[in-house]
Amino acid sequence: MEERLSTIYLRNGQNALQYIMSLSEKYRQIATAAIFECLRLGYPLNNMEITGKAREMQRMKNANV
């Protein structure tokens, strides 16, 4: 997974692995899933889109528990 993240670049030029590693450990898993979901949906990879998708995914997860 790390090597795949290192080949994905955000709109600001930072690679996805650097972005994930800059986050608190408790947010890394959901942010990683959000990046792949944004890619799947064709959303631009910027902090706002990734954060928004991560929050949406977290809400869905909490609603299903």
PDB file of N, CA and C in Angstrom:
ATOM      1  N   MET A   1       0.829  -1.184   0.000  1.00  0.00           N
ATOM      2  CA  MET A   1       0.000   0.000   0.000  1.00  0.00           C
ATOM      3  C   MET A   1       0.878   1.252   0.000  1.00  0.00           C
ATOM      4  N   GLU A   2       1.974   1.241   0.776  1.00  0.00           N
ATOM      5  CA  GLU A   2       2.837   2.415   0.844  1.00  0.00           C
ATOM      6  C   GLU A   2       3.406   2.773  -0.518  1.00  0.00           C
ATOM      7  N   GLU A   3       3.829   1.754  -1.284  1.00  0.00           N
ATOM      8  CA  GLU A   3       4.400   2.074  -2.589  1.00  0.00           C
ATOM      9  C   GLU A   3       3.340   2.610  -3.536  1.00  0.00           C
ATOM     10  N   ARG A   4       2.097   2.194  -3.377  1.00  0.00           N
ATOM     11  CA  ARG A   4       1.030   2.738  -4.207  1.00  0.00           C
ATOM     12  C   ARG A   4       0.740   4.192  -3.832  1.00  0.00           C
ATOM     13  N   LEU A   5       0.717   4.478  -2.539  1.00  0.00           N
ATOM     14  CA  LEU A   5       0.491   5.850  -2.085  1.00  0.00           C
ATOM     15  C   LEU A   5       1.615   6.779  -2.535  1.00  0.00           C
ATOM     16  N   SER A   6       2.831   6.262  -2.612  1.00  0.00           N
ATOM     17  CA  SER A   6       3.959   7.112  -2.994  1.00  0.00           C
ATOM     18  C   SER A   6       3.914   7.503  -4.462  1.00  0.00           C
ATOM     19  N   THR A   7       3.076   6.847  -5.259  1.00  0.00           N
ATOM     20  CA  THR A   7       2.964   7.185  -6.685  1.00  0.00           C
ATOM     21  C   THR A   7       1.769   8.082  -6.977  1.00  0.00           C
ATOM     22  N   ILE A   8       0.987   8.405  -5.961  1.00  0.00           N
ATOM     23  CA  ILE A   8      -0.183   9.264  -6.115  1.00  0.00           C
ATOM     24  C   ILE A   8       0.185  10.660  -5.622  1.00  0.00           C
ATOM     25  N   TYR A   9      -0.120  11.661  -6.423  1.00  0.00           N
ATOM     26  CA  TYR A   9       0.217  13.039  -6.051  1.00  0.00           C
ATOM     27  C   TYR A   9      -1.031  13.877  -5.862  1.00  0.00           C
ATOM     28  N   LEU A  10      -1.006  14.687  -4.810  1.00  0.00           N
ATOM     29  CA  LEU A  10      -2.087  15.621  -4.544  1.00  0.00           C
ATOM     30  C   LEU A  10      -1.910  16.844  -5.437  1.00  0.00           C
ATOM     31  N   ARG A  11      -2.920  17.672  -5.488  1.00  0.00           N
ATOM     32  CA  ARG A  11      -2.873  18.845  -6.358  1.00  0.00           C
ATOM     33  C   ARG A  11      -1.766  19.813  -5.980  1.00  0.00           C
ATOM     34  N   ASN A  12      -1.349  19.813  -4.724  1.00  0.00           N
ATOM     35  CA  ASN A  12      -0.288  20.727  -4.287  1.00  0.00           C
ATOM     36  C   ASN A  12       1.116  20.176  -4.548  1.00  0.00           C
ATOM     37  N   GLY A  13       1.214  19.009  -5.193  1.00  0.00           N
ATOM     38  CA  GLY A  13       2.506  18.412  -5.526  1.00  0.00           C
ATOM     39  C   GLY A  13       3.036  17.435  -4.492  1.00  0.00           C
ATOM     40  N   GLN A  14       2.426  17.390  -3.333  1.00  0.00           N
ATOM     41  CA  GLN A  14       2.843  16.467  -2.273  1.00  0.00           C
ATOM     42  C   GLN A  14       2.341  15.072  -2.631  1.00  0.00           C
ATOM     43  N   ASN A  15       3.169  14.049  -2.387  1.00  0.00           N
ATOM     44  CA  ASN A  15       2.628  12.718  -2.672  1.00  0.00           C
ATOM     45  C   ASN A  15       1.757  12.244  -1.524  1.00  0.00           C
ATOM     46  N   ALA A  16       0.881  11.313  -1.825  1.00  0.00           N
ATOM     47  CA  ALA A  16      -0.132  10.878  -0.861  1.00  0.00           C
ATOM     48  C   ALA A  16       0.491  10.261   0.388  1.00  0.00           C
ATOM     49  N   LEU A  17       1.600   9.568   0.230  1.00  0.00           N
ATOM     50  CA  LEU A  17       2.256   8.955   1.393  1.00  0.00           C
ATOM     51  C   LEU A  17       2.752  10.033   2.354  1.00  0.00           C
ATOM     52  N   GLN A  18       3.343  11.103   1.815  1.00  0.00           N
ATOM     53  CA  GLN A  18       3.787  12.208   2.678  1.00  0.00           C
ATOM     54  C   GLN A  18       2.594  12.824   3.399  1.00  0.00           C
ATOM     55  N   TYR A  19       1.505  12.989   2.675  1.00  0.00           N
ATOM     56  CA  TYR A  19       0.293  13.565   3.271  1.00  0.00           C
ATOM     57  C   TYR A  19      -0.204  12.686   4.421  1.00  0.00           C
ATOM     58  N   ILE A  20      -0.308  11.386   4.185  1.00  0.00           N
ATOM     59  CA  ILE A  20      -0.795  10.451   5.207  1.00  0.00           C
ATOM     60  C   ILE A  20       0.127  10.455   6.418  1.00  0.00           C
ATOM     61  N   MET A  21       1.428  10.462   6.179  1.00  0.00           N
ATOM     62  CA  MET A  21       2.378  10.415   7.286  1.00  0.00           C
ATOM     63  C   MET A  21       2.373  11.711   8.097  1.00  0.00           C
ATOM     64  N   SER A  22       1.886  12.799   7.516  1.00  0.00           N
ATOM     65  CA  SER A  22       1.828  14.063   8.255  1.00  0.00           C
ATOM     66  C   SER A  22       0.623  14.126   9.196  1.00  0.00           C
ATOM     67  N   LEU A  23      -0.300  13.172   9.053  1.00  0.00           N
ATOM     68  CA  LEU A  23      -1.502  13.146   9.883  1.00  0.00           C
ATOM     69  C   LEU A  23      -1.259  12.383  11.175  1.00  0.00           C
ATOM     70  N   SER A  24      -2.100  12.627  12.143  1.00  0.00           N
ATOM     71  CA  SER A  24      -2.082  11.858  13.382  1.00  0.00           C
ATOM     72  C   SER A  24      -2.385  10.393  13.041  1.00  0.00           C
ATOM     73  N   GLU A  25      -1.784   9.482  13.770  1.00  0.00           N
ATOM     74  CA  GLU A  25      -1.966   8.051  13.486  1.00  0.00           C
ATOM     75  C   GLU A  25      -3.430   7.636  13.459  1.00  0.00           C
ATOM     76  N   LYS A  26      -4.254   8.236  14.303  1.00  0.00           N
ATOM     77  CA  LYS A  26      -5.650   7.799  14.373  1.00  0.00           C
ATOM     78  C   LYS A  26      -6.443   8.176  13.126  1.00  0.00           C
ATOM     79  N   TYR A  27      -5.925   9.095  12.308  1.00  0.00           N
ATOM     80  CA  TYR A  27      -6.633   9.496  11.092  1.00  0.00           C
ATOM     81  C   TYR A  27      -6.075   8.868   9.816  1.00  0.00           C
ATOM     82  N   ARG A  28      -4.965   8.206   9.914  1.00  0.00           N
ATOM     83  CA  ARG A  28      -4.287   7.697   8.717  1.00  0.00           C
ATOM     84  C   ARG A  28      -5.103   6.665   7.945  1.00  0.00           C
ATOM     85  N   GLN A  29      -5.737   5.754   8.626  1.00  0.00           N
ATOM     86  CA  GLN A  29      -6.479   4.703   7.937  1.00  0.00           C
ATOM     87  C   GLN A  29      -7.669   5.278   7.163  1.00  0.00           C
ATOM     88  N   ILE A  30      -8.454   6.135   7.784  1.00  0.00           N
ATOM     89  CA  ILE A  30      -9.623   6.703   7.112  1.00  0.00           C
ATOM     90  C   ILE A  30      -9.189   7.657   6.000  1.00  0.00           C
ATOM     91  N   ALA A  31      -8.086   8.376   6.199  1.00  0.00           N
ATOM     92  CA  ALA A  31      -7.593   9.282   5.151  1.00  0.00           C
ATOM     93  C   ALA A  31      -7.093   8.492   3.944  1.00  0.00           C
ATOM     94  N   THR A  32      -6.447   7.369   4.184  1.00  0.00           N
ATOM     95  CA  THR A  32      -5.998   6.516   3.088  1.00  0.00           C
ATOM     96  C   THR A  32      -7.189   6.010   2.289  1.00  0.00           C
ATOM     97  N   ALA A  33      -8.207   5.536   2.988  1.00  0.00           N
ATOM     98  CA  ALA A  33      -9.428   5.067   2.305  1.00  0.00           C
ATOM     99  C   ALA A  33     -10.080   6.216   1.539  1.00  0.00           C
ATOM    100  N   ALA A  34     -10.059   7.405   2.107  1.00  0.00           N
ATOM    101  CA  ALA A  34     -10.664   8.568   1.457  1.00  0.00           C
ATOM    102  C   ALA A  34      -9.906   8.935   0.179  1.00  0.00           C
ATOM    103  N   ILE A  35      -8.601   8.824   0.191  1.00  0.00           N
ATOM    104  CA  ILE A  35      -7.812   9.109  -1.007  1.00  0.00           C
ATOM    105  C   ILE A  35      -8.198   8.152  -2.124  1.00  0.00           C
ATOM    106  N   PHE A  36      -8.267   6.867  -1.821  1.00  0.00           N
ATOM    107  CA  PHE A  36      -8.628   5.891  -2.849  1.00  0.00           C
ATOM    108  C   PHE A  36     -10.069   6.080  -3.330  1.00  0.00           C
ATOM    109  N   GLU A  37     -10.956   6.475  -2.436  1.00  0.00           N
ATOM    110  CA  GLU A  37     -12.342   6.738  -2.820  1.00  0.00           C
ATOM    111  C   GLU A  37     -12.417   7.986  -3.706  1.00  0.00           C
ATOM    112  N   CYS A  38     -11.669   9.018  -3.390  1.00  0.00           N
ATOM    113  CA  CYS A  38     -11.628  10.219  -4.238  1.00  0.00           C
ATOM    114  C   CYS A  38     -11.105   9.870  -5.630  1.00  0.00           C
ATOM    115  N   LEU A  39     -10.079   9.041  -5.681  1.00  0.00           N
ATOM    116  CA  LEU A  39      -9.558   8.608  -6.983  1.00  0.00           C
ATOM    117  C   LEU A  39     -10.624   7.849  -7.769  1.00  0.00           C
ATOM    118  N   ARG A  40     -11.309   6.954  -7.095  1.00  0.00           N
ATOM    119  CA  ARG A  40     -12.346   6.149  -7.744  1.00  0.00           C
ATOM    120  C   ARG A  40     -13.459   7.025  -8.307  1.00  0.00           C
ATOM    121  N   LEU A  41     -13.819   8.059  -7.558  1.00  0.00           N
ATOM    122  CA  LEU A  41     -14.908   8.945  -7.962  1.00  0.00           C
ATOM    123  C   LEU A  41     -14.458  10.062  -8.912  1.00  0.00           C
ATOM    124  N   GLY A  42     -13.158  10.198  -9.118  1.00  0.00           N
ATOM    125  CA  GLY A  42     -12.649  11.223 -10.005  1.00  0.00           C
ATOM    126  C   GLY A  42     -12.568  12.600  -9.370  1.00  0.00           C
ATOM    127  N   TYR A  43     -12.594  12.665  -8.051  1.00  0.00           N
ATOM    128  CA  TYR A  43     -12.501  13.944  -7.345  1.00  0.00           C
ATOM    129  C   TYR A  43     -11.051  14.425  -7.365  1.00  0.00           C
ATOM    130  N   PRO A  44     -10.844  15.737  -7.337  1.00  0.00           N
ATOM    131  CA  PRO A  44      -9.466  16.242  -7.251  1.00  0.00           C
ATOM    132  C   PRO A  44      -8.865  15.879  -5.894  1.00  0.00           C
ATOM    133  N   LEU A  45      -7.594  15.586  -5.901  1.00  0.00           N
ATOM    134  CA  LEU A  45      -6.934  15.206  -4.648  1.00  0.00           C
ATOM    135  C   LEU A  45      -6.358  16.452  -3.984  1.00  0.00           C
ATOM    136  N   ASN A  46      -7.169  17.070  -3.174  1.00  0.00           N
ATOM    137  CA  ASN A  46      -6.705  18.178  -2.350  1.00  0.00           C
ATOM    138  C   ASN A  46      -7.214  17.944  -0.933  1.00  0.00           C
ATOM    139  N   ASN A  47      -6.685  18.698  -0.001  1.00  0.00           N
ATOM    140  CA  ASN A  47      -7.015  18.488   1.408  1.00  0.00           C
ATOM    141  C   ASN A  47      -8.515  18.581   1.670  1.00  0.00           C
ATOM    142  N   MET A  48      -9.190  19.542   1.037  1.00  0.00           N
ATOM    143  CA  MET A  48     -10.625  19.719   1.265  1.00  0.00           C
ATOM    144  C   MET A  48     -11.420  18.490   0.815  1.00  0.00           C
ATOM    145  N   GLU A  49     -11.134  17.963  -0.368  1.00  0.00           N
ATOM    146  CA  GLU A  49     -11.854  16.789  -0.871  1.00  0.00           C
ATOM    147  C   GLU A  49     -11.563  15.553  -0.027  1.00  0.00           C
ATOM    148  N   ILE A  50     -10.312  15.354   0.320  1.00  0.00           N
ATOM    149  CA  ILE A  50      -9.925  14.179   1.112  1.00  0.00           C
ATOM    150  C   ILE A  50     -10.566  14.248   2.498  1.00  0.00           C
ATOM    151  N   THR A  51     -10.500  15.406   3.130  1.00  0.00           N
ATOM    152  CA  THR A  51     -11.083  15.576   4.463  1.00  0.00           C
ATOM    153  C   THR A  51     -12.598  15.385   4.416  1.00  0.00           C
ATOM    154  N   GLY A  52     -13.235  15.978   3.420  1.00  0.00           N
ATOM    155  CA  GLY A  52     -14.688  15.839   3.286  1.00  0.00           C
ATOM    156  C   GLY A  52     -15.109  14.398   3.087  1.00  0.00           C
ATOM    157  N   LYS A  53     -14.387  13.681   2.228  1.00  0.00           N
ATOM    158  CA  LYS A  53     -14.700  12.278   1.967  1.00  0.00           C
ATOM    159  C   LYS A  53     -14.431  11.437   3.207  1.00  0.00           C
ATOM    160  N   ALA A  54     -13.359  11.735   3.942  1.00  0.00           N
ATOM    161  CA  ALA A  54     -13.048  10.988   5.168  1.00  0.00           C
ATOM    162  C   ALA A  54     -14.147  11.183   6.204  1.00  0.00           C
ATOM    163  N   ARG A  55     -14.625  12.409   6.343  1.00  0.00           N
ATOM    164  CA  ARG A  55     -15.717  12.667   7.298  1.00  0.00           C
ATOM    165  C   ARG A  55     -16.985  11.929   6.894  1.00  0.00           C
ATOM    166  N   GLU A  56     -17.282  11.954   5.605  1.00  0.00           N
ATOM    167  CA  GLU A  56     -18.470  11.247   5.116  1.00  0.00           C
ATOM    168  C   GLU A  56     -18.358   9.747   5.385  1.00  0.00           C
ATOM    169  N   MET A  57     -17.192   9.183   5.119  1.00  0.00           N
ATOM    170  CA  MET A  57     -16.964   7.755   5.347  1.00  0.00           C
ATOM    171  C   MET A  57     -17.056   7.424   6.835  1.00  0.00           C
ATOM    172  N   GLN A  58     -16.546   8.306   7.692  1.00  0.00           N
ATOM    173  CA  GLN A  58     -16.605   8.093   9.138  1.00  0.00           C
ATOM    174  C   GLN A  58     -18.046   8.126   9.622  1.00  0.00           C
ATOM    175  N   ARG A  59     -18.829   9.069   9.103  1.00  0.00           N
ATOM    176  CA  ARG A  59     -20.257   9.140   9.475  1.00  0.00           C
ATOM    177  C   ARG A  59     -20.986   7.861   9.070  1.00  0.00           C
ATOM    178  N   MET A  60     -20.704   7.376   7.871  1.00  0.00           N
ATOM    179  CA  MET A  60     -21.340   6.143   7.394  1.00  0.00           C
ATOM    180  C   MET A  60     -20.941   4.956   8.290  1.00  0.00           C
ATOM    181  N   LYS A  61     -19.674   4.909   8.646  1.00  0.00           N
ATOM    182  CA  LYS A  61     -19.174   3.837   9.510  1.00  0.00           C
ATOM    183  C   LYS A  61     -19.864   3.886  10.874  1.00  0.00           C
ATOM    184  N   ASN A  62     -19.970   5.092  11.446  1.00  0.00           N
ATOM    185  CA  ASN A  62     -20.602   5.244  12.754  1.00  0.00           C
ATOM    186  C   ASN A  62     -22.087   4.943  12.708  1.00  0.00           C
ATOM    187  N   ALA A  63     -22.744   5.240  11.601  1.00  0.00           N
ATOM    188  CA  ALA A  63     -24.178   4.982  11.464  1.00  0.00           C
ATOM    189  C   ALA A  63     -24.460   3.484  11.357  1.00  0.00           C
ATOM    190  N   ASN A  64     -23.505   2.733  10.823  1.00  0.00           N
ATOM    191  CA  ASN A  64     -23.693   1.284  10.636  1.00  0.00           C
ATOM    192  C   ASN A  64     -23.275   0.471  11.835  1.00  0.00           C
ATOM    193  N   VAL A  65     -22.671   1.087  12.816  1.00  0.00           N
ATOM    194  CA  VAL A  65     -22.200   0.339  13.998  1.00  0.00           C
ATOM    195  C   VAL A  65     -23.306   0.160  14.992  1.00  0.00           C
TER     196      VAL A  65
END
